[in-house]
Amino acid sequence: MNEIRVFCPATIANISCGFDVLGVALDSVGDEMVVRKIPEKGIRITKLEGQDLPKETERNVAGVAGLTLLEASGYDGGFEIEIYKKIKAGSGIGSSAASSSGAVWAMNELLGRPFSKIDLVRFAMEGERLASAVAHADNVAPALYGGFTLVRSYDPLDVVSIPNPPELYATVIHPQIEVKTSDSRSVLRTKITLAQGIKQWGNVGGLIAGLFTNDYDLIGRSLEDHIVEPIRSILIPGFDNVKSEALNAGALGCGISGSGPSIFAFCKGETIAKKVSESMKEVYQDIGIDHDVHVSKINTNGVRAI
């Protein structure tokens, strides 16, 4: 096999209480990429549609992640990449992670799968380093593993797959403003109180327990963020109203997707998820901000060939 076309899913990271350690892959929205072997050493991005992003290899997250894999592989040739962006940059649903993860997954397939999933996460993290100056894994891990993932440790890197309840849906609204990950990180505090930590650890544990036991009420009670959301939500117009309306419409919980400006809600069943999407849309219609809305099952496969 010398060429492969792949679907690269959007992801929700942090999931309220799990800053930089929790993430989940979505099924209804993602990028597409075509990756093919070439005899020349190196990586060339030959096509990039859908977003105004650099095609230069060293300035593109897919190129940087791919170069990291290529160097580790010992492969004498190289790869061409075509990128078809459906996830808007700066949307908060893992645009850079989709490109980074899709590139390394496809290359690994074309090379006969010499690398494990945890290896691919390491390679894809280098694309995230380019995008945000921090090599975080909370988006690339679910993009590659599928479903929910917990980054238990960064040193050494340890990723744990978490099951998801069968009726769980995600509703995500993206107001048409851009919040760069690097900017949203710059506003965060580097120290928290012990009381804040205790609340946050309890919610992380509760969320994981709820996912394992299909306890939707526990999932909802655990979707609270006492550390990051109070600061980052200031950057997102209408956030408090969107969250309030989503909960009133039946959402289990609601929070900032990644670094924002997208806002996610988890719901039990598609019917409630669609009702929540309408309530979210009404807020932005009232304040005059254009927006996209996605209602999605949880993607349990991650990046896949299409």
Protein backbone atom coordinates (compact mmCIF):
# COMPACT_ATOMS: atom_id res chain seq x y z
CA MET A 1 0.00 0.00 0.00
CA ASN A 2 1.47 3.33 -1.12
CA GLU A 3 -1.46 5.68 -0.45
CA ILE A 4 -4.18 6.00 2.17
CA ARG A 5 -7.06 8.39 2.85
CA VAL A 6 -8.05 8.92 6.47
CA PHE A 7 -10.69 10.58 8.63
CA CYS A 8 -9.19 12.54 11.53
CA PRO A 9 -11.77 13.24 14.25
CA ALA A 10 -12.39 16.43 16.14
CA THR A 11 -11.90 16.14 19.88
CA ILE A 12 -13.03 17.73 23.12
CA ALA A 13 -10.17 18.22 25.57
CA ASN A 14 -10.06 19.02 29.28
CA ILE A 15 -13.74 17.97 29.67
CA SER A 16 -14.22 20.55 32.42
CA CYS A 17 -12.30 19.05 35.35
CA GLY A 18 -9.49 17.29 33.42
CA PHE A 19 -7.21 20.09 32.23
CA ASP A 20 -4.52 18.64 29.92
CA VAL A 21 -5.34 15.04 30.90
CA LEU A 22 -8.86 14.18 29.66
CA GLY A 23 -10.18 14.09 26.11
CA VAL A 24 -12.78 12.45 23.89
CA ALA A 25 -13.10 11.90 20.13
CA LEU A 26 -16.18 12.99 18.16
CA ASP A 27 -17.81 11.08 15.32
CA SER A 28 -19.64 13.69 13.26
CA VAL A 29 -16.89 16.20 12.49
CA GLY A 30 -13.27 15.84 11.44
CA ASP A 31 -10.66 16.46 8.77
CA GLU A 32 -9.65 14.23 5.87
CA MET A 33 -6.11 13.59 4.70
CA VAL A 34 -4.46 11.70 1.86
CA VAL A 35 -0.95 10.44 2.58
CA ARG A 36 1.25 8.68 0.02
CA LYS A 37 4.79 7.35 -0.09
CA ILE A 38 7.35 9.11 -2.26
CA PRO A 39 10.94 8.06 -3.00
CA GLU A 40 12.43 11.41 -1.90
CA LYS A 41 13.38 11.81 1.74
CA GLY A 42 11.26 14.19 3.77
CA ILE A 43 7.65 15.37 3.84
CA ARG A 44 5.84 17.59 1.38
CA ILE A 45 2.40 19.10 1.90
CA THR A 46 1.05 19.31 -1.64
CA LYS A 47 -2.51 20.45 -0.97
CA LEU A 48 -4.27 22.22 1.90
CA GLU A 49 -7.92 23.10 1.48
CA GLY A 50 -10.48 24.56 3.87
CA GLN A 51 -8.25 26.77 6.03
CA ASP A 52 -5.56 29.38 5.46
CA LEU A 53 -2.66 27.51 7.07
CA PRO A 54 1.03 27.22 6.11
CA LYS A 55 2.03 24.46 3.69
CA GLU A 56 5.71 24.66 4.64
CA THR A 57 6.56 21.40 6.38
CA GLU A 58 8.31 22.94 9.39
CA ARG A 59 5.44 25.40 9.96
CA ASN A 60 2.59 22.90 9.65
CA VAL A 61 1.63 20.64 12.55
CA ALA A 62 1.12 17.62 10.30
CA GLY A 63 4.55 18.20 8.78
CA VAL A 64 6.29 18.54 12.13
CA ALA A 65 4.59 15.47 13.62
CA GLY A 66 5.34 13.51 10.47
CA LEU A 67 8.99 14.50 10.47
CA THR A 68 9.29 13.22 14.04
CA LEU A 69 7.91 9.83 12.99
CA LEU A 70 10.04 9.75 9.84
CA GLU A 71 13.22 10.36 11.80
CA ALA A 72 12.39 7.55 14.23
CA SER A 73 11.40 5.11 11.48
CA GLY A 74 14.64 4.89 9.53
CA TYR A 75 12.56 4.88 6.31
CA ASP A 76 14.67 5.96 3.32
CA GLY A 77 11.81 7.59 1.44
CA GLY A 78 9.27 10.23 2.36
CA PHE A 79 5.61 11.20 2.18
CA GLU A 80 3.28 13.59 0.42
CA ILE A 81 0.28 14.90 2.36
CA GLU A 82 -3.00 16.40 1.18
CA ILE A 83 -5.04 18.04 3.95
CA TYR A 84 -8.75 18.79 3.72
CA LYS A 85 -9.63 20.85 6.78
CA LYS A 86 -13.19 20.62 8.08
CA ILE A 87 -12.22 21.69 11.62
CA LYS A 88 -11.60 25.40 11.86
CA ALA A 89 -8.31 26.49 13.38
CA GLY A 90 -8.71 28.01 16.83
CA SER A 91 -12.16 26.46 17.28
CA GLY A 92 -11.32 24.51 20.44
CA ILE A 93 -12.17 21.07 19.03
CA GLY A 94 -8.70 19.86 18.17
CA SER A 95 -7.91 21.20 14.71
CA SER A 96 -4.15 20.88 15.15
CA ALA A 97 -4.52 17.50 16.86
CA ALA A 98 -6.54 16.12 13.95
CA SER A 99 -3.82 17.08 11.47
CA SER A 100 -0.98 15.82 13.67
CA SER A 101 -2.71 12.56 14.55
CA GLY A 102 -3.96 11.87 11.06
CA ALA A 103 -0.52 12.32 9.55
CA VAL A 104 1.32 9.98 11.92
CA TRP A 105 -1.46 7.35 11.90
CA ALA A 106 -1.49 7.24 8.09
CA MET A 107 2.31 7.07 7.83
CA ASN A 108 2.41 4.27 10.36
CA GLU A 109 -0.12 2.31 8.30
CA LEU A 110 1.87 2.79 5.10
CA LEU A 111 5.05 1.60 6.84
CA GLY A 112 3.39 -1.58 8.11
CA ARG A 113 2.57 -0.36 11.65
CA PRO A 114 6.03 -0.36 13.21
CA PHE A 115 4.90 2.02 15.97
CA SER A 116 2.45 1.56 18.85
CA LYS A 117 -0.38 3.98 19.65
CA ILE A 118 1.62 5.48 22.50
CA ASP A 119 4.48 6.11 20.05
CA LEU A 120 2.06 7.86 17.70
CA VAL A 121 0.85 10.05 20.56
CA ARG A 122 4.44 11.13 21.23
CA PHE A 123 4.97 12.02 17.57
CA ALA A 124 1.66 13.89 17.32
CA MET A 125 2.44 15.86 20.47
CA GLU A 126 5.23 17.58 18.56
CA GLY A 127 2.60 19.07 16.27
CA GLU A 128 0.79 20.33 19.35
CA ARG A 129 4.04 21.85 20.57
CA LEU A 130 4.23 23.86 17.35
CA ALA A 131 0.59 24.97 17.65
CA SER A 132 0.56 26.01 21.30
CA ALA A 133 4.16 25.90 22.56
CA VAL A 134 3.15 23.01 24.86
CA ALA A 135 3.34 19.33 23.86
CA HIS A 136 0.01 18.33 25.43
CA ALA A 137 -1.71 15.03 24.65
CA ASP A 138 -5.32 15.54 25.72
CA ASN A 139 -6.48 16.01 22.10
CA VAL A 140 -4.12 13.73 20.19
CA ALA A 141 -4.63 10.79 22.57
CA PRO A 142 -8.40 10.43 21.94
CA ALA A 143 -7.88 11.20 18.24
CA LEU A 144 -5.57 8.18 18.01
CA TYR A 145 -7.13 5.83 20.57
CA GLY A 146 -10.78 6.76 20.08
CA GLY A 147 -13.33 7.30 22.84
CA PHE A 148 -12.33 8.86 26.14
CA THR A 149 -8.70 8.89 27.19
CA LEU A 150 -6.88 9.83 30.37
CA VAL A 151 -3.27 10.98 30.22
CA ARG A 152 -2.29 9.51 33.58
CA SER A 153 1.29 10.74 33.27
CA TYR A 154 3.38 12.81 30.87
CA ASP A 155 6.74 11.61 32.17
CA PRO A 156 6.72 8.78 31.39
CA LEU A 157 3.83 9.13 28.95
CA ASP A 158 0.95 6.88 30.03
CA VAL A 159 -2.42 6.96 28.25
CA VAL A 160 -5.45 5.05 29.56
CA SER A 161 -8.56 4.30 27.48
CA ILE A 162 -11.84 4.93 29.30
CA PRO A 163 -15.14 3.33 28.19
CA ASN A 164 -18.09 5.52 27.31
CA PRO A 165 -21.76 4.93 28.12
CA PRO A 166 -23.69 3.87 25.00
CA GLU A 167 -26.27 6.66 25.12
CA LEU A 168 -23.79 9.50 25.64
CA TYR A 169 -23.87 12.26 23.03
CA ALA A 170 -21.90 15.48 22.73
CA THR A 171 -23.31 18.78 21.54
CA VAL A 172 -20.71 21.38 20.58
CA ILE A 173 -21.32 24.97 19.55
CA HIS A 174 -18.57 27.03 17.97
CA PRO A 175 -19.12 30.81 18.00
CA GLN A 176 -17.32 32.29 15.01
CA ILE A 177 -14.49 33.90 16.92
CA GLU A 178 -10.96 32.55 17.29
CA VAL A 179 -9.26 31.89 20.61
CA LYS A 180 -5.67 30.75 20.12
CA THR A 181 -4.54 28.01 22.48
CA SER A 182 -1.34 29.91 23.25
CA ASP A 183 -3.35 33.01 24.21
CA SER A 184 -5.82 31.10 26.37
CA ARG A 185 -2.95 29.42 28.19
CA SER A 186 -1.30 32.76 28.90
CA VAL A 187 -4.21 33.89 31.11
CA LEU A 188 -4.08 30.84 33.39
CA ARG A 189 -2.72 30.90 36.90
CA THR A 190 0.18 28.58 37.68
CA LYS A 191 -0.83 27.99 41.30
CA ILE A 192 -4.05 26.76 42.89
CA THR A 193 -5.23 26.44 46.46
CA LEU A 194 -5.48 23.09 48.20
CA ALA A 195 -9.26 23.56 48.41
CA GLN A 196 -9.48 24.03 44.64
CA GLY A 197 -7.33 20.94 44.08
CA ILE A 198 -9.50 18.79 46.33
CA LYS A 199 -12.66 19.81 44.47
CA GLN A 200 -11.04 19.20 41.09
CA TRP A 201 -9.58 15.79 41.99
CA GLY A 202 -12.95 14.70 43.29
CA ASN A 203 -14.62 15.65 40.03
CA VAL A 204 -12.00 13.88 37.89
CA GLY A 205 -12.46 10.72 39.92
CA GLY A 206 -16.24 11.05 39.77
CA LEU A 207 -16.23 11.54 36.00
CA ILE A 208 -14.04 8.49 35.42
CA ALA A 209 -16.24 6.40 37.75
CA GLY A 210 -19.38 7.61 35.97
CA LEU A 211 -17.98 6.65 32.56
CA PHE A 212 -17.01 3.19 33.77
CA THR A 213 -20.37 2.52 35.44
CA ASN A 214 -22.69 4.23 32.92
CA ASP A 215 -23.87 6.54 35.70
CA TYR A 216 -25.11 9.55 33.73
CA ASP A 217 -26.06 11.53 36.83
CA LEU A 218 -22.58 11.10 38.29
CA ILE A 219 -21.07 12.21 34.98
CA GLY A 220 -23.18 15.35 35.12
CA ARG A 221 -22.32 16.13 38.76
CA SER A 222 -18.62 15.73 37.98
CA LEU A 223 -18.52 18.13 35.01
CA GLU A 224 -17.41 21.07 37.14
CA ASP A 225 -14.22 23.05 36.71
CA HIS A 226 -13.08 25.20 39.63
CA ILE A 227 -9.72 26.19 38.14
CA VAL A 228 -9.67 26.91 34.40
CA GLU A 229 -13.26 27.65 33.36
CA PRO A 230 -13.74 30.69 35.66
CA ILE A 231 -10.80 32.37 33.89
CA ARG A 232 -11.16 31.19 30.29
CA SER A 233 -14.92 31.72 30.14
CA ILE A 234 -14.31 35.48 30.23
CA LEU A 235 -12.82 35.16 26.71
CA ILE A 236 -16.02 33.57 25.33
CA PRO A 237 -18.98 35.91 24.79
CA GLY A 238 -22.28 34.48 25.99
CA PHE A 239 -20.69 31.54 27.81
CA ASP A 240 -22.70 31.77 31.02
CA ASN A 241 -25.99 32.02 29.11
CA VAL A 242 -25.10 29.12 26.81
CA LYS A 243 -24.23 26.93 29.79
CA SER A 244 -27.39 27.88 31.67
CA GLU A 245 -29.66 27.23 28.67
CA ALA A 246 -27.96 23.91 27.90
CA LEU A 247 -28.51 22.68 31.46
CA ASN A 248 -32.12 23.88 31.40
CA ALA A 249 -32.64 21.91 28.18
CA GLY A 250 -31.51 18.71 29.85
CA ALA A 251 -27.74 18.54 29.37
CA LEU A 252 -25.86 16.45 31.92
CA GLY A 253 -23.14 19.09 32.08
CA CYS A 254 -21.56 21.83 30.03
CA GLY A 255 -18.13 23.43 29.75
CA ILE A 256 -15.41 24.87 27.53
CA SER A 257 -14.11 22.59 24.80
CA GLY A 258 -10.32 22.70 24.88
CA SER A 259 -9.13 26.28 25.03
CA GLY A 260 -12.39 27.58 23.57
CA PRO A 261 -14.30 29.30 22.13
CA SER A 262 -16.33 26.13 21.47
CA ILE A 263 -18.64 25.04 24.28
CA PHE A 264 -19.62 21.40 24.77
CA ALA A 265 -22.47 19.68 26.54
CA PHE A 266 -22.84 15.99 27.30
CA CYS A 267 -26.33 14.58 26.99
CA LYS A 268 -28.09 11.25 27.49
CA GLY A 269 -29.52 10.35 24.10
CA GLU A 270 -29.72 12.05 20.73
CA THR A 271 -33.11 13.66 21.35
CA ILE A 272 -31.87 15.67 24.32
CA ALA A 273 -28.61 16.47 22.50
CA LYS A 274 -30.56 18.04 19.64
CA LYS A 275 -32.78 19.96 22.06
CA VAL A 276 -29.66 21.27 23.78
CA SER A 277 -28.20 22.34 20.43
CA GLU A 278 -31.30 24.45 19.73
CA SER A 279 -31.07 26.14 23.14
CA MET A 280 -27.38 26.92 22.56
CA LYS A 281 -28.06 28.34 19.11
CA GLU A 282 -30.74 30.67 20.42
CA VAL A 283 -28.24 32.40 22.71
CA TYR A 284 -25.89 33.27 19.87
CA GLN A 285 -28.73 34.20 17.54
CA ASP A 286 -29.95 36.67 20.15
CA ILE A 287 -26.53 38.33 20.55
CA GLY A 288 -25.76 38.24 16.83
CA ILE A 289 -22.73 35.94 16.70
CA ASP A 290 -22.44 33.46 13.83
CA HIS A 291 -21.92 29.88 14.96
CA ASP A 292 -21.65 26.23 13.98
CA VAL A 293 -23.26 23.40 15.96
CA HIS A 294 -22.34 19.72 15.99
CA VAL A 295 -24.31 16.88 17.59
CA SER A 296 -22.19 13.77 17.76
CA LYS A 297 -21.91 10.27 19.09
CA ILE A 298 -18.64 9.39 20.75
CA ASN A 299 -16.10 8.15 18.18
CA THR A 300 -14.71 4.89 19.57
CA ASN A 301 -12.20 4.27 16.75
CA GLY A 302 -10.18 7.47 16.42
CA VAL A 303 -8.37 8.10 13.15
CA ARG A 304 -9.49 5.60 10.52
CA ALA A 305 -9.04 4.77 6.85
CA ILE A 306 -11.89 5.79 4.56
